Amino acid sequence: NIKKITSSMKMVSAAKFTRAEKALKPARVYGDGATSLYERNEFESEAGKQLNIAVSSDRGLCGGVHSAIAKHIRAANNEKAVESLIVIGDKVKMMLSKQLGVAFVVTYSNV
């Protein structure tokens, strides 16, 4: 009986995995776009400087996501001073503007 239960559980999980994979395919375009943004930026880097990019939204109810992004950037600033920061989205821009506003290279909104 346990073998039959285990076998049926494997079949169910395989079906769920296939369904999830099919749902993920259309979203891969966004991941490729983000990857190309990081790989092919047009900003020149100076020796020893690091460019940080914070991507969030302009509005919405994703407060936890925006807070986590701001928290991560602040933690990076505590380790080593953030000198260059690109901000995409108004939510994180508002959260970081007081503390790191001078480090903003460029900001984008309504993307």
PDB file of N, CA and C in Angstrom:
ATOM      1  N   ASN A   1       0.806  -1.197   0.000  1.00  0.00           N
ATOM      2  CA  ASN A   1       0.000   0.000   0.000  1.00  0.00           C
ATOM      3  C   ASN A   1       0.852   1.265   0.000  1.00  0.00           C
ATOM      4  N   ILE A   2       1.919   1.238   0.764  1.00  0.00           N
ATOM      5  CA  ILE A   2       2.772   2.426   0.841  1.00  0.00           C
ATOM      6  C   ILE A   2       3.413   2.702  -0.516  1.00  0.00           C
ATOM      7  N   LYS A   3       3.788   1.643  -1.255  1.00  0.00           N
ATOM      8  CA  LYS A   3       4.376   1.835  -2.580  1.00  0.00           C
ATOM      9  C   LYS A   3       3.369   2.483  -3.527  1.00  0.00           C
ATOM     10  N   LYS A   4       2.126   2.059  -3.446  1.00  0.00           N
ATOM     11  CA  LYS A   4       1.091   2.619  -4.312  1.00  0.00           C
ATOM     12  C   LYS A   4       0.858   4.098  -3.985  1.00  0.00           C
ATOM     13  N   ILE A   5       0.825   4.420  -2.708  1.00  0.00           N
ATOM     14  CA  ILE A   5       0.632   5.808  -2.287  1.00  0.00           C
ATOM     15  C   ILE A   5       1.805   6.665  -2.753  1.00  0.00           C
ATOM     16  N   THR A   6       3.017   6.160  -2.560  1.00  0.00           N
ATOM     17  CA  THR A   6       4.212   6.890  -2.978  1.00  0.00           C
ATOM     18  C   THR A   6       4.224   7.090  -4.490  1.00  0.00           C
ATOM     19  N   SER A   7       3.850   6.054  -5.206  1.00  0.00           N
ATOM     20  CA  SER A   7       3.809   6.135  -6.664  1.00  0.00           C
ATOM     21  C   SER A   7       2.790   7.174  -7.133  1.00  0.00           C
ATOM     22  N   SER A   8       1.619   7.174  -6.531  1.00  0.00           N
ATOM     23  CA  SER A   8       0.603   8.149  -6.929  1.00  0.00           C
ATOM     24  C   SER A   8       1.021   9.570  -6.540  1.00  0.00           C
ATOM     25  N   MET A   9       1.709   9.721  -5.416  1.00  0.00           N
ATOM     26  CA  MET A   9       2.201  11.035  -5.018  1.00  0.00           C
ATOM     27  C   MET A   9       3.244  11.548  -6.015  1.00  0.00           C
ATOM     28  N   LYS A  10       4.094  10.653  -6.524  1.00  0.00           N
ATOM     29  CA  LYS A  10       5.086  11.040  -7.517  1.00  0.00           C
ATOM     30  C   LYS A  10       4.410  11.501  -8.800  1.00  0.00           C
ATOM     31  N   MET A  11       3.368  10.800  -9.207  1.00  0.00           N
ATOM     32  CA  MET A  11       2.655  11.168 -10.425  1.00  0.00           C
ATOM     33  C   MET A  11       1.978  12.526 -10.269  1.00  0.00           C
ATOM     34  N   VAL A  12       1.386  12.781  -9.118  1.00  0.00           N
ATOM     35  CA  VAL A  12       0.725  14.057  -8.870  1.00  0.00           C
ATOM     36  C   VAL A  12       1.754  15.188  -8.868  1.00  0.00           C
ATOM     37  N   SER A  13       2.870  14.974  -8.217  1.00  0.00           N
ATOM     38  CA  SER A  13       3.893  16.021  -8.171  1.00  0.00           C
ATOM     39  C   SER A  13       4.488  16.268  -9.550  1.00  0.00           C
ATOM     40  N   ALA A  14       4.649  15.230 -10.356  1.00  0.00           N
ATOM     41  CA  ALA A  14       5.157  15.417 -11.720  1.00  0.00           C
ATOM     42  C   ALA A  14       4.174  16.240 -12.549  1.00  0.00           C
ATOM     43  N   ALA A  15       2.885  15.989 -12.379  1.00  0.00           N
ATOM     44  CA  ALA A  15       1.874  16.757 -13.106  1.00  0.00           C
ATOM     45  C   ALA A  15       1.879  18.221 -12.656  1.00  0.00           C
ATOM     46  N   LYS A  16       2.015  18.464 -11.358  1.00  0.00           N
ATOM     47  CA  LYS A  16       2.068  19.839 -10.849  1.00  0.00           C
ATOM     48  C   LYS A  16       3.318  20.558 -11.344  1.00  0.00           C
ATOM     49  N   PHE A  17       4.422  19.825 -11.391  1.00  0.00           N
ATOM     50  CA  PHE A  17       5.672  20.415 -11.860  1.00  0.00           C
ATOM     51  C   PHE A  17       5.559  20.819 -13.326  1.00  0.00           C
ATOM     52  N   THR A  18       4.965  19.947 -14.137  1.00  0.00           N
ATOM     53  CA  THR A  18       4.781  20.253 -15.552  1.00  0.00           C
ATOM     54  C   THR A  18       3.895  21.474 -15.735  1.00  0.00           C
ATOM     55  N   ARG A  19       2.826  21.555 -14.976  1.00  0.00           N
ATOM     56  CA  ARG A  19       1.917  22.696 -15.053  1.00  0.00           C
ATOM     57  C   ARG A  19       2.632  23.987 -14.636  1.00  0.00           C
ATOM     58  N   ALA A  20       3.435  23.908 -13.595  1.00  0.00           N
ATOM     59  CA  ALA A  20       4.171  25.090 -13.136  1.00  0.00           C
ATOM     60  C   ALA A  20       5.215  25.526 -14.161  1.00  0.00           C
ATOM     61  N   GLU A  21       5.861  24.572 -14.806  1.00  0.00           N
ATOM     62  CA  GLU A  21       6.843  24.887 -15.842  1.00  0.00           C
ATOM     63  C   GLU A  21       6.193  25.607 -17.014  1.00  0.00           C
ATOM     64  N   LYS A  22       5.012  25.139 -17.413  1.00  0.00           N
ATOM     65  CA  LYS A  22       4.289  25.785 -18.516  1.00  0.00           C
ATOM     66  C   LYS A  22       3.883  27.201 -18.145  1.00  0.00           C
ATOM     67  N   ALA A  23       3.497  27.422 -16.898  1.00  0.00           N
ATOM     68  CA  ALA A  23       3.112  28.754 -16.448  1.00  0.00           C
ATOM     69  C   ALA A  23       4.321  29.686 -16.358  1.00  0.00           C
ATOM     70  N   LEU A  24       5.496  29.130 -16.154  1.00  0.00           N
ATOM     71  CA  LEU A  24       6.712  29.929 -15.994  1.00  0.00           C
ATOM     72  C   LEU A  24       7.286  30.400 -17.321  1.00  0.00           C
ATOM     73  N   LYS A  25       7.022  29.679 -18.397  1.00  0.00           N
ATOM     74  CA  LYS A  25       7.616  30.025 -19.700  1.00  0.00           C
ATOM     75  C   LYS A  25       7.353  31.462 -20.123  1.00  0.00           C
ATOM     76  N   PRO A  26       6.112  31.992 -20.044  1.00  0.00           N
ATOM     77  CA  PRO A  26       5.904  33.392 -20.461  1.00  0.00           C
ATOM     78  C   PRO A  26       6.657  34.401 -19.589  1.00  0.00           C
ATOM     79  N   ALA A  27       6.948  34.057 -18.349  1.00  0.00           N
ATOM     80  CA  ALA A  27       7.630  34.984 -17.443  1.00  0.00           C
ATOM     81  C   ALA A  27       9.129  35.033 -17.688  1.00  0.00           C
ATOM     82  N   ARG A  28       9.670  34.073 -18.416  1.00  0.00           N
ATOM     83  CA  ARG A  28      11.114  34.048 -18.663  1.00  0.00           C
ATOM     84  C   ARG A  28      11.582  35.279 -19.438  1.00  0.00           C
ATOM     85  N   VAL A  29      10.711  35.856 -20.242  1.00  0.00           N
ATOM     86  CA  VAL A  29      11.054  37.050 -21.011  1.00  0.00           C
ATOM     87  C   VAL A  29      11.475  38.180 -20.071  1.00  0.00           C
ATOM     88  N   TYR A  30      10.760  38.309 -18.958  1.00  0.00           N
ATOM     89  CA  TYR A  30      11.093  39.367 -17.995  1.00  0.00           C
ATOM     90  C   TYR A  30      12.434  39.093 -17.324  1.00  0.00           C
ATOM     91  N   GLY A  31      12.709  37.852 -17.044  1.00  0.00           N
ATOM     92  CA  GLY A  31      13.996  37.497 -16.450  1.00  0.00           C
ATOM     93  C   GLY A  31      15.152  37.761 -17.396  1.00  0.00           C
ATOM     94  N   ASP A  32      14.946  37.457 -18.680  1.00  0.00           N
ATOM     95  CA  ASP A  32      15.988  37.733 -19.672  1.00  0.00           C
ATOM     96  C   ASP A  32      16.227  39.227 -19.808  1.00  0.00           C
ATOM     97  N   GLY A  33      15.144  40.010 -19.742  1.00  0.00           N
ATOM     98  CA  GLY A  33      15.288  41.463 -19.820  1.00  0.00           C
ATOM     99  C   GLY A  33      16.079  42.016 -18.652  1.00  0.00           C
ATOM    100  N   ALA A  34      15.817  41.506 -17.458  1.00  0.00           N
ATOM    101  CA  ALA A  34      16.553  41.960 -16.276  1.00  0.00           C
ATOM    102  C   ALA A  34      18.020  41.563 -16.371  1.00  0.00           C
ATOM    103  N   THR A  35      18.280  40.374 -16.862  1.00  0.00           N
ATOM    104  CA  THR A  35      19.656  39.913 -17.008  1.00  0.00           C
ATOM    105  C   THR A  35      20.416  40.789 -17.995  1.00  0.00           C
ATOM    106  N   SER A  36      19.770  41.128 -19.109  1.00  0.00           N
ATOM    107  CA  SER A  36      20.451  41.973 -20.095  1.00  0.00           C
ATOM    108  C   SER A  36      20.695  43.377 -19.544  1.00  0.00           C
ATOM    109  N   LEU A  37      19.806  43.860 -18.670  1.00  0.00           N
ATOM    110  CA  LEU A  37      20.020  45.165 -18.038  1.00  0.00           C
ATOM    111  C   LEU A  37      21.298  45.147 -17.218  1.00  0.00           C
ATOM    112  N   TYR A  38      21.517  44.074 -16.471  1.00  0.00           N
ATOM    113  CA  TYR A  38      22.710  43.992 -15.630  1.00  0.00           C
ATOM    114  C   TYR A  38      23.976  43.762 -16.450  1.00  0.00           C
ATOM    115  N   GLU A  39      23.866  43.006 -17.537  1.00  0.00           N
ATOM    116  CA  GLU A  39      25.050  42.672 -18.314  1.00  0.00           C
ATOM    117  C   GLU A  39      25.476  43.805 -19.245  1.00  0.00           C
ATOM    118  N   ARG A  40      24.513  44.515 -19.822  1.00  0.00           N
ATOM    119  CA  ARG A  40      24.837  45.509 -20.843  1.00  0.00           C
ATOM    120  C   ARG A  40      24.409  46.905 -20.408  1.00  0.00           C
ATOM    121  N   ASN A  41      24.864  47.366 -19.278  1.00  0.00           N
ATOM    122  CA  ASN A  41      24.529  48.739 -18.886  1.00  0.00           C
ATOM    123  C   ASN A  41      25.474  49.701 -19.590  1.00  0.00           C
ATOM    124  N   GLU A  42      25.051  50.920 -19.739  1.00  0.00           N
ATOM    125  CA  GLU A  42      25.828  51.919 -20.468  1.00  0.00           C
ATOM    126  C   GLU A  42      26.580  52.856 -19.536  1.00  0.00           C
ATOM    127  N   PHE A  43      26.665  52.515 -18.271  1.00  0.00           N
ATOM    128  CA  PHE A  43      27.329  53.372 -17.309  1.00  0.00           C
ATOM    129  C   PHE A  43      28.762  52.918 -17.133  1.00  0.00           C
ATOM    130  N   GLU A  44      29.660  53.880 -17.160  1.00  0.00           N
ATOM    131  CA  GLU A  44      31.070  53.557 -16.993  1.00  0.00           C
ATOM    132  C   GLU A  44      31.381  53.358 -15.522  1.00  0.00           C
ATOM    133  N   SER A  45      32.196  52.369 -15.250  1.00  0.00           N
ATOM    134  CA  SER A  45      32.566  52.123 -13.861  1.00  0.00           C
ATOM    135  C   SER A  45      34.013  52.541 -13.643  1.00  0.00           C
ATOM    136  N   GLU A  46      34.237  53.082 -12.493  1.00  0.00           N
ATOM    137  CA  GLU A  46      35.594  53.450 -12.110  1.00  0.00           C
ATOM    138  C   GLU A  46      36.157  52.321 -11.264  1.00  0.00           C
ATOM    139  N   ALA A  47      37.453  52.239 -11.199  1.00  0.00           N
ATOM    140  CA  ALA A  47      38.102  51.178 -10.442  1.00  0.00           C
ATOM    141  C   ALA A  47      37.685  51.236  -8.974  1.00  0.00           C
ATOM    142  N   GLY A  48      37.254  50.143  -8.444  1.00  0.00           N
ATOM    143  CA  GLY A  48      36.874  50.069  -7.039  1.00  0.00           C
ATOM    144  C   GLY A  48      35.450  50.484  -6.732  1.00  0.00           C
ATOM    145  N   LYS A  49      34.733  51.006  -7.719  1.00  0.00           N
ATOM    146  CA  LYS A  49      33.352  51.419  -7.496  1.00  0.00           C
ATOM    147  C   LYS A  49      32.406  50.304  -7.900  1.00  0.00           C
ATOM    148  N   GLN A  50      31.286  50.247  -7.215  1.00  0.00           N
ATOM    149  CA  GLN A  50      30.273  49.246  -7.499  1.00  0.00           C
ATOM    150  C   GLN A  50      28.968  49.961  -7.812  1.00  0.00           C
ATOM    151  N   LEU A  51      28.288  49.527  -8.865  1.00  0.00           N
ATOM    152  CA  LEU A  51      27.009  50.090  -9.256  1.00  0.00           C
ATOM    153  C   LEU A  51      25.896  49.220  -8.693  1.00  0.00           C
ATOM    154  N   ASN A  52      25.014  49.805  -7.899  1.00  0.00           N
ATOM    155  CA  ASN A  52      23.874  49.093  -7.338  1.00  0.00           C
ATOM    156  C   ASN A  52      22.620  49.502  -8.089  1.00  0.00           C
ATOM    157  N   ILE A  53      21.741  48.532  -8.345  1.00  0.00           N
ATOM    158  CA  ILE A  53      20.493  48.794  -9.043  1.00  0.00           C
ATOM    159  C   ILE A  53      19.350  48.300  -8.169  1.00  0.00           C
ATOM    160  N   ALA A  54      18.425  49.204  -7.834  1.00  0.00           N
ATOM    161  CA  ALA A  54      17.250  48.850  -7.039  1.00  0.00           C
ATOM    162  C   ALA A  54      16.027  48.918  -7.955  1.00  0.00           C
ATOM    163  N   VAL A  55      15.334  47.798  -8.110  1.00  0.00           N
ATOM    164  CA  VAL A  55      14.174  47.720  -8.999  1.00  0.00           C
ATOM    165  C   VAL A  55      12.931  47.456  -8.162  1.00  0.00           C
ATOM    166  N   SER A  56      11.971  48.364  -8.247  1.00  0.00           N
ATOM    167  CA  SER A  56      10.699  48.202  -7.542  1.00  0.00           C
ATOM    168  C   SER A  56       9.590  48.716  -8.445  1.00  0.00           C
ATOM    169  N   SER A  57       8.426  48.976  -7.887  1.00  0.00           N
ATOM    170  CA  SER A  57       7.314  49.493  -8.690  1.00  0.00           C
ATOM    171  C   SER A  57       6.991  50.923  -8.266  1.00  0.00           C
ATOM    172  N   ASP A  58       6.121  51.550  -9.032  1.00  0.00           N
ATOM    173  CA  ASP A  58       5.713  52.922  -8.729  1.00  0.00           C
ATOM    174  C   ASP A  58       4.571  52.967  -7.721  1.00  0.00           C
ATOM    175  N   ARG A  59       3.726  51.973  -7.756  1.00  0.00           N
ATOM    176  CA  ARG A  59       2.588  51.920  -6.833  1.00  0.00           C
ATOM    177  C   ARG A  59       2.213  50.460  -6.638  1.00  0.00           C
ATOM    178  N   GLY A  60       1.318  50.216  -5.717  1.00  0.00           N
ATOM    179  CA  GLY A  60       0.876  48.850  -5.492  1.00  0.00           C
ATOM    180  C   GLY A  60       0.920  48.479  -4.031  1.00  0.00           C
ATOM    181  N   LEU A  61       0.521  47.268  -3.769  1.00  0.00           N
ATOM    182  CA  LEU A  61       0.429  46.787  -2.400  1.00  0.00           C
ATOM    183  C   LEU A  61       1.538  45.795  -2.062  1.00  0.00           C
ATOM    184  N   CYS A  62       2.695  45.974  -2.642  1.00  0.00           N
ATOM    185  CA  CYS A  62       3.824  45.076  -2.401  1.00  0.00           C
ATOM    186  C   CYS A  62       4.784  45.688  -1.397  1.00  0.00           C
ATOM    187  N   GLY A  63       4.274  46.182  -0.295  1.00  0.00           N
ATOM    188  CA  GLY A  63       5.094  46.867   0.687  1.00  0.00           C
ATOM    189  C   GLY A  63       6.250  46.045   1.200  1.00  0.00           C
ATOM    190  N   GLY A  64       6.029  44.753   1.386  1.00  0.00           N
ATOM    191  CA  GLY A  64       7.094  43.881   1.872  1.00  0.00           C
ATOM    192  C   GLY A  64       8.250  43.788   0.896  1.00  0.00           C
ATOM    193  N   VAL A  65       7.939  43.771  -0.382  1.00  0.00           N
ATOM    194  CA  VAL A  65       8.978  43.687  -1.402  1.00  0.00           C
ATOM    195  C   VAL A  65       9.792  44.981  -1.421  1.00  0.00           C
ATOM    196  N   HIS A  66       9.110  46.107  -1.407  1.00  0.00           N
ATOM    197  CA  HIS A  66       9.798  47.394  -1.433  1.00  0.00           C
ATOM    198  C   HIS A  66      10.667  47.576  -0.190  1.00  0.00           C
ATOM    199  N   SER A  67      10.144  47.199   0.948  1.00  0.00           N
ATOM    200  CA  SER A  67      10.910  47.318   2.193  1.00  0.00           C
ATOM    201  C   SER A  67      12.134  46.422   2.172  1.00  0.00           C
ATOM    202  N   ALA A  68      11.989  45.222   1.624  1.00  0.00           N
ATOM    203  CA  ALA A  68      13.123  44.295   1.560  1.00  0.00           C
ATOM    204  C   ALA A  68      14.214  44.827   0.638  1.00  0.00           C
ATOM    205  N   ILE A  69      13.818  45.429  -0.471  1.00  0.00           N
ATOM    206  CA  ILE A  69      14.808  46.000  -1.392  1.00  0.00           C
ATOM    207  C   ILE A  69      15.546  47.150  -0.709  1.00  0.00           C
ATOM    208  N   ALA A  70      14.812  48.040  -0.061  1.00  0.00           N
ATOM    209  CA  ALA A  70      15.433  49.170   0.632  1.00  0.00           C
ATOM    210  C   ALA A  70      16.340  48.681   1.762  1.00  0.00           C
ATOM    211  N   LYS A  71      15.893  47.672   2.475  1.00  0.00           N
ATOM    212  CA  LYS A  71      16.689  47.110   3.576  1.00  0.00           C
ATOM    213  C   LYS A  71      17.997  46.522   3.048  1.00  0.00           C
ATOM    214  N   HIS A  72      17.923  45.845   1.911  1.00  0.00           N
ATOM    215  CA  HIS A  72      19.120  45.242   1.317  1.00  0.00           C
ATOM    216  C   HIS A  72      20.116  46.324   0.882  1.00  0.00           C
ATOM    217  N   ILE A  73      19.613  47.387   0.270  1.00  0.00           N
ATOM    218  CA  ILE A  73      20.495  48.480  -0.164  1.00  0.00           C
ATOM    219  C   ILE A  73      21.111  49.174   1.050  1.00  0.00           C
ATOM    220  N   ARG A  74      20.320  49.373   2.102  1.00  0.00           N
ATOM    221  CA  ARG A  74      20.860  49.998   3.324  1.00  0.00           C
ATOM    222  C   ARG A  74      21.934  49.117   3.959  1.00  0.00           C
ATOM    223  N   ALA A  75      21.705  47.790   3.949  1.00  0.00           N
ATOM    224  CA  ALA A  75      22.703  46.870   4.504  1.00  0.00           C
ATOM    225  C   ALA A  75      23.990  46.927   3.683  1.00  0.00           C
ATOM    226  N   ALA A  76      23.869  47.009   2.371  1.00  0.00           N
ATOM    227  CA  ALA A  76      25.049  47.140   1.522  1.00  0.00           C
ATOM    228  C   ALA A  76      25.774  48.452   1.820  1.00  0.00           C
ATOM    229  N   ASN A  77      25.004  49.505   2.121  1.00  0.00           N
ATOM    230  CA  ASN A  77      25.600  50.799   2.457  1.00  0.00           C
ATOM    231  C   ASN A  77      26.337  50.734   3.789  1.00  0.00           C
ATOM    232  N   ASN A  78      25.833  49.953   4.726  1.00  0.00           N
ATOM    233  CA  ASN A  78      26.503  49.816   6.018  1.00  0.00           C
ATOM    234  C   ASN A  78      27.818  49.065   5.897  1.00  0.00           C
ATOM    235  N   GLU A  79      27.880  48.082   4.970  1.00  0.00           N
ATOM    236  CA  GLU A  79      29.114  47.326   4.768  1.00  0.00           C
ATOM    237  C   GLU A  79      30.172  48.175   4.060  1.00  0.00           C
ATOM    238  N   LYS A  80      29.742  48.784   2.972  1.00  0.00           N
ATOM    239  CA  LYS A  80      30.633  49.637   2.180  1.00  0.00           C
ATOM    240  C   LYS A  80      29.772  50.743   1.592  1.00  0.00           C
ATOM    241  N   ALA A  81      30.227  51.952   1.661  1.00  0.00           N
ATOM    242  CA  ALA A  81      29.422  53.098   1.228  1.00  0.00           C
ATOM    243  C   ALA A  81      28.965  52.935  -0.219  1.00  0.00           C
ATOM    244  N   VAL A  82      27.665  53.037  -0.425  1.00  0.00           N
ATOM    245  CA  VAL A  82      27.094  52.959  -1.773  1.00  0.00           C
ATOM    246  C   VAL A  82      27.357  54.295  -2.448  1.00  0.00           C
ATOM    247  N   GLU A  83      28.139  54.264  -3.539  1.00  0.00           N
ATOM    248  CA  GLU A  83      28.516  55.487  -4.234  1.00  0.00           C
ATOM    249  C   GLU A  83      27.689  55.708  -5.489  1.00  0.00           C
ATOM    250  N   SER A  84      27.207  54.633  -6.095  1.00  0.00           N
ATOM    251  CA  SER A  84      26.438  54.720  -7.332  1.00  0.00           C
ATOM    252  C   SER A  84      25.208  53.845  -7.219  1.00  0.00           C
ATOM    253  N   LEU A  85      24.044  54.445  -7.448  1.00  0.00           N
ATOM    254  CA  LEU A  85      22.789  53.711  -7.291  1.00  0.00           C
ATOM    255  C   LEU A  85      21.816  54.119  -8.387  1.00  0.00           C
ATOM    256  N   ILE A  86      21.325  53.145  -9.116  1.00  0.00           N
ATOM    257  CA  ILE A  86      20.268  53.364 -10.098  1.00  0.00           C
ATOM    258  C   ILE A  86      18.980  52.882  -9.465  1.00  0.00           C
ATOM    259  N   VAL A  87      17.950  53.715  -9.473  1.00  0.00           N
ATOM    260  CA  VAL A  87      16.676  53.362  -8.846  1.00  0.00           C
ATOM    261  C   VAL A  87      15.593  53.318  -9.917  1.00  0.00           C
ATOM    262  N   ILE A  88      14.917  52.191  -9.991  1.00  0.00           N
ATOM    263  CA  ILE A  88      13.795  52.023 -10.913  1.00  0.00           C
ATOM    264  C   ILE A  88      12.553  51.843 -10.061  1.00  0.00           C
ATOM    265  N   GLY A  89      11.621  52.785 -10.125  1.00  0.00           N
ATOM    266  CA  GLY A  89      10.392  52.729  -9.341  1.00  0.00           C
ATOM    267  C   GLY A  89      10.374  53.772  -8.236  1.00  0.00           C
ATOM    268  N   ASP A  90       9.192  54.342  -8.008  1.00  0.00           N
ATOM    269  CA  ASP A  90       9.058  55.428  -7.033  1.00  0.00           C
ATOM    270  C   ASP A  90       9.088  54.968  -5.580  1.00  0.00           C
ATOM    271  N   LYS A  91       8.617  53.751  -5.303  1.00  0.00           N
ATOM    272  CA  LYS A  91       8.522  53.302  -3.915  1.00  0.00           C
ATOM    273  C   LYS A  91       9.890  53.257  -3.231  1.00  0.00           C
ATOM    274  N   VAL A  92      10.844  52.584  -3.851  1.00  0.00           N
ATOM    275  CA  VAL A  92      12.180  52.497  -3.246  1.00  0.00           C
ATOM    276  C   VAL A  92      12.883  53.846  -3.313  1.00  0.00           C
ATOM    277  N   LYS A  93      12.590  54.629  -4.339  1.00  0.00           N
ATOM    278  CA  LYS A  93      13.185  55.963  -4.441  1.00  0.00           C
ATOM    279  C   LYS A  93      12.798  56.801  -3.237  1.00  0.00           C
ATOM    280  N   MET A  94      11.517  56.745  -2.837  1.00  0.00           N
ATOM    281  CA  MET A  94      11.076  57.505  -1.669  1.00  0.00           C
ATOM    282  C   MET A  94      11.717  56.983  -0.387  1.00  0.00           C
ATOM    283  N   MET A  95      11.891  55.672  -0.294  1.00  0.00           N
ATOM    284  CA  MET A  95      12.463  55.088   0.922  1.00  0.00           C
ATOM    285  C   MET A  95      13.947  55.409   1.083  1.00  0.00           C
ATOM    286  N   LEU A  96      14.667  55.513  -0.030  1.00  0.00           N
ATOM    287  CA  LEU A  96      16.116  55.695   0.036  1.00  0.00           C
ATOM    288  C   LEU A  96      16.583  57.122  -0.209  1.00  0.00           C
ATOM    289  N   SER A  97      15.688  58.024  -0.617  1.00  0.00           N
ATOM    290  CA  SER A  97      16.128  59.359  -1.024  1.00  0.00           C
ATOM    291  C   SER A  97      16.774  60.162   0.100  1.00  0.00           C
ATOM    292  N   LYS A  98      16.294  60.033   1.324  1.00  0.00           N
ATOM    293  CA  LYS A  98      16.886  60.803   2.433  1.00  0.00           C
ATOM    294  C   LYS A  98      18.290  60.329   2.755  1.00  0.00           C
ATOM    295  N   GLN A  99      18.448  59.017   2.847  1.00  0.00           N
ATOM    296  CA  GLN A  99      19.723  58.461   3.273  1.00  0.00           C
ATOM    297  C   GLN A  99      20.743  58.382   2.138  1.00  0.00           C
ATOM    298  N   LEU A 100      20.297  58.010   0.933  1.00  0.00           N
ATOM    299  CA  LEU A 100      21.231  57.757  -0.154  1.00  0.00           C
ATOM    300  C   LEU A 100      20.943  58.586  -1.406  1.00  0.00           C
ATOM    301  N   GLY A 101      20.232  59.668  -1.267  1.00  0.00           N
ATOM    302  CA  GLY A 101      19.862  60.481  -2.420  1.00  0.00           C
ATOM    303  C   GLY A 101      21.044  60.997  -3.220  1.00  0.00           C
ATOM    304  N   VAL A 102      22.155  61.259  -2.564  1.00  0.00           N
ATOM    305  CA  VAL A 102      23.329  61.777  -3.267  1.00  0.00           C
ATOM    306  C   VAL A 102      23.991  60.704  -4.137  1.00  0.00           C
ATOM    307  N   ALA A 103      23.706  59.441  -3.855  1.00  0.00           N
ATOM    308  CA  ALA A 103      24.309  58.347  -4.618  1.00  0.00           C
ATOM    309  C   ALA A 103      23.516  57.993  -5.866  1.00  0.00           C
ATOM    310  N   PHE A 104      22.327  58.579  -6.048  1.00  0.00           N
ATOM    311  CA  PHE A 104      21.502  58.257  -7.208  1.00  0.00           C
ATOM    312  C   PHE A 104      22.204  58.716  -8.487  1.00  0.00           C
ATOM    313  N   VAL A 105      22.464  57.795  -9.373  1.00  0.00           N
ATOM    314  CA  VAL A 105      23.018  58.128 -10.673  1.00  0.00           C
ATOM    315  C   VAL A 105      21.889  58.562 -11.587  1.00  0.00           C
ATOM    316  N   VAL A 106      20.843  57.767 -11.604  1.00  0.00           N
ATOM    317  CA  VAL A 106      19.665  58.050 -12.406  1.00  0.00           C
ATOM    318  C   VAL A 106      18.483  57.317 -11.783  1.00  0.00           C
ATOM    319  N   THR A 107      17.293  57.883 -11.913  1.00  0.00           N
ATOM    320  CA  THR A 107      16.081  57.224 -11.430  1.00  0.00           C
ATOM    321  C   THR A 107      15.077  57.133 -12.565  1.00  0.00           C
ATOM    322  N   TYR A 108      14.328  56.054 -12.565  1.00  0.00           N
ATOM    323  CA  TYR A 108      13.290  55.830 -13.564  1.00  0.00           C
ATOM    324  C   TYR A 108      11.958  55.581 -12.858  1.00  0.00           C
ATOM    325  N   SER A 109      10.890  56.093 -13.439  1.00  0.00           N
ATOM    326  CA  SER A 109       9.567  55.795 -12.922  1.00  0.00           C
ATOM    327  C   SER A 109       8.620  55.622 -14.101  1.00  0.00           C
ATOM    328  N   ASN A 110       7.441  55.099 -13.814  1.00  0.00           N
ATOM    329  CA  ASN A 110       6.436  54.797 -14.845  1.00  0.00           C
ATOM    330  C   ASN A 110       6.972  53.854 -15.913  1.00  0.00           C
ATOM    331  N   VAL A 111       7.748  52.892 -15.482  1.00  0.00           N
ATOM    332  CA  VAL A 111       8.321  51.910 -16.418  1.00  0.00           C
ATOM    333  C   VAL A 111       7.377  50.746 -16.548  1.00  0.00           C
TER     334      VAL A 111
END
